């Protein structure tokens, strides 16, 4: 590791959901889920349910 690098982890869907705030985890999960556009509202940490 150097001043120009950072550690990287590969996560399963479950690990991403467990380790990341909901509002952050949903982005890679949506990307893996489908080719559809996902629009979500959030409060900065949690998704706002409709």
N, C-alpha and C. Protein backbone atom coordinates (compact mmCIF):
# COMPACT_ATOMS: atom_id res chain seq x y z
N UNK A 1 0.84 -1.16 0.00
CA UNK A 1 0.00 0.00 0.00
C UNK A 1 0.90 1.24 0.00
N UNK A 2 0.46 2.25 -0.74
CA UNK A 2 1.23 3.50 -0.80
C UNK A 2 0.29 4.68 -0.57
N UNK A 3 0.82 5.89 -0.62
CA UNK A 3 -0.01 7.08 -0.43
C UNK A 3 -0.98 7.27 -1.60
N UNK A 4 -0.76 6.55 -2.70
CA UNK A 4 -1.63 6.66 -3.88
C UNK A 4 -2.59 5.49 -4.02
N UNK A 5 -2.63 4.62 -3.03
CA UNK A 5 -3.51 3.46 -3.12
C UNK A 5 -4.36 3.35 -1.86
N UNK A 6 -5.39 2.54 -1.98
CA UNK A 6 -6.29 2.30 -0.85
C UNK A 6 -6.68 0.84 -0.86
N UNK A 7 -6.98 0.28 0.31
CA UNK A 7 -7.42 -1.11 0.35
C UNK A 7 -8.78 -1.25 -0.33
N UNK A 8 -8.99 -2.39 -0.96
CA UNK A 8 -10.23 -2.67 -1.67
C UNK A 8 -10.74 -4.04 -1.24
N UNK A 9 -12.04 -4.14 -1.02
CA UNK A 9 -12.66 -5.42 -0.69
C UNK A 9 -13.69 -5.76 -1.75
N UNK A 10 -13.77 -7.02 -2.09
CA UNK A 10 -14.87 -7.52 -2.92
C UNK A 10 -15.91 -8.06 -1.96
N UNK A 11 -17.14 -7.60 -2.11
CA UNK A 11 -18.20 -7.99 -1.19
C UNK A 11 -19.31 -8.72 -1.90
N UNK A 12 -19.91 -9.66 -1.19
CA UNK A 12 -21.13 -10.28 -1.69
C UNK A 12 -22.27 -9.29 -1.45
N UNK A 13 -23.42 -9.58 -2.04
CA UNK A 13 -24.59 -8.72 -1.79
C UNK A 13 -24.89 -8.63 -0.30
N UNK A 14 -24.83 -9.76 0.38
CA UNK A 14 -25.13 -9.80 1.81
C UNK A 14 -24.12 -8.97 2.60
N UNK A 15 -22.84 -9.11 2.28
CA UNK A 15 -21.80 -8.35 2.98
C UNK A 15 -21.96 -6.85 2.75
N UNK A 16 -22.29 -6.45 1.53
CA UNK A 16 -22.50 -5.02 1.24
C UNK A 16 -23.65 -4.49 2.08
N UNK A 17 -24.72 -5.25 2.17
CA UNK A 17 -25.88 -4.83 2.97
C UNK A 17 -25.54 -4.73 4.45
N UNK A 18 -24.69 -5.62 4.93
CA UNK A 18 -24.34 -5.63 6.35
C UNK A 18 -23.31 -4.56 6.70
N UNK A 19 -22.37 -4.28 5.81
CA UNK A 19 -21.26 -3.38 6.12
C UNK A 19 -21.52 -1.91 5.78
N UNK A 20 -22.42 -1.67 4.84
CA UNK A 20 -22.61 -0.30 4.35
C UNK A 20 -23.95 0.25 4.82
N UNK A 21 -24.00 1.56 4.98
CA UNK A 21 -25.28 2.21 5.26
C UNK A 21 -26.22 1.88 4.10
N UNK A 22 -27.50 1.75 4.41
CA UNK A 22 -28.49 1.34 3.42
C UNK A 22 -28.42 2.20 2.15
N UNK A 23 -28.30 3.52 2.34
CA UNK A 23 -28.31 4.43 1.19
C UNK A 23 -27.07 4.23 0.30
N UNK A 24 -25.98 3.76 0.85
CA UNK A 24 -24.77 3.49 0.06
C UNK A 24 -24.80 2.10 -0.55
N UNK A 25 -25.28 1.12 0.19
CA UNK A 25 -25.31 -0.26 -0.29
C UNK A 25 -26.27 -0.45 -1.45
N UNK A 26 -27.32 0.34 -1.51
CA UNK A 26 -28.33 0.13 -2.55
C UNK A 26 -27.76 0.42 -3.94
N UNK A 27 -26.77 1.28 -4.05
CA UNK A 27 -26.23 1.62 -5.37
C UNK A 27 -25.57 0.42 -6.06
N UNK A 28 -24.61 -0.27 -5.43
CA UNK A 28 -24.05 -1.44 -6.11
C UNK A 28 -25.06 -2.58 -6.22
N UNK A 29 -25.97 -2.70 -5.25
CA UNK A 29 -26.98 -3.76 -5.33
C UNK A 29 -27.91 -3.52 -6.51
N UNK A 30 -28.33 -2.28 -6.72
CA UNK A 30 -29.16 -1.95 -7.89
C UNK A 30 -28.40 -2.23 -9.18
N UNK A 31 -27.13 -1.89 -9.22
CA UNK A 31 -26.33 -2.09 -10.42
C UNK A 31 -26.21 -3.57 -10.76
N UNK A 32 -26.11 -4.42 -9.76
CA UNK A 32 -26.02 -5.85 -9.99
C UNK A 32 -27.37 -6.48 -10.31
N UNK A 33 -28.44 -5.83 -9.88
CA UNK A 33 -29.78 -6.39 -9.99
C UNK A 33 -30.33 -6.38 -11.41
N UNK A 34 -30.16 -5.28 -12.14
CA UNK A 34 -30.78 -5.20 -13.46
C UNK A 34 -30.19 -4.06 -14.27
N UNK A 35 -30.67 -3.93 -15.48
CA UNK A 35 -30.26 -2.83 -16.35
C UNK A 35 -31.23 -1.67 -16.27
N UNK A 36 -32.19 -1.73 -15.37
CA UNK A 36 -33.17 -0.67 -15.22
C UNK A 36 -32.61 0.50 -14.42
N UNK A 37 -33.15 1.68 -14.69
CA UNK A 37 -32.79 2.87 -13.93
C UNK A 37 -33.53 2.84 -12.60
N UNK A 38 -32.81 3.06 -11.53
CA UNK A 38 -33.42 3.09 -10.20
C UNK A 38 -33.33 4.51 -9.66
N UNK A 39 -34.43 5.05 -9.22
CA UNK A 39 -34.47 6.37 -8.61
C UNK A 39 -34.94 6.18 -7.17
N UNK A 40 -34.16 6.68 -6.25
CA UNK A 40 -34.47 6.47 -4.84
C UNK A 40 -34.37 7.79 -4.09
N UNK A 41 -35.18 7.94 -3.08
CA UNK A 41 -35.10 9.08 -2.17
C UNK A 41 -34.51 8.59 -0.86
N UNK A 42 -33.69 9.44 -0.23
CA UNK A 42 -33.06 9.05 1.03
C UNK A 42 -32.83 10.28 1.90
N UNK A 43 -32.53 10.02 3.15
CA UNK A 43 -32.25 11.10 4.10
C UNK A 43 -30.77 11.24 4.37
N UNK A 44 -29.96 10.64 3.55
CA UNK A 44 -28.51 10.67 3.75
C UNK A 44 -27.97 9.39 4.38
N UNK A 45 -28.83 8.63 4.99
CA UNK A 45 -28.41 7.37 5.61
C UNK A 45 -29.37 6.23 5.29
N UNK A 46 -30.67 6.51 5.32
CA UNK A 46 -31.68 5.49 5.08
C UNK A 46 -32.53 5.86 3.87
N UNK A 47 -32.99 4.82 3.17
CA UNK A 47 -33.92 5.04 2.07
C UNK A 47 -35.27 5.46 2.64
N UNK A 48 -35.94 6.35 1.94
CA UNK A 48 -37.28 6.76 2.34
C UNK A 48 -38.26 5.86 1.61
N UNK A 49 -39.11 5.20 2.37
CA UNK A 49 -40.09 4.27 1.80
C UNK A 49 -41.29 5.04 1.30
N UNK A 50 -41.83 4.59 0.20
CA UNK A 50 -43.03 5.25 -0.36
C UNK A 50 -44.27 4.72 0.27
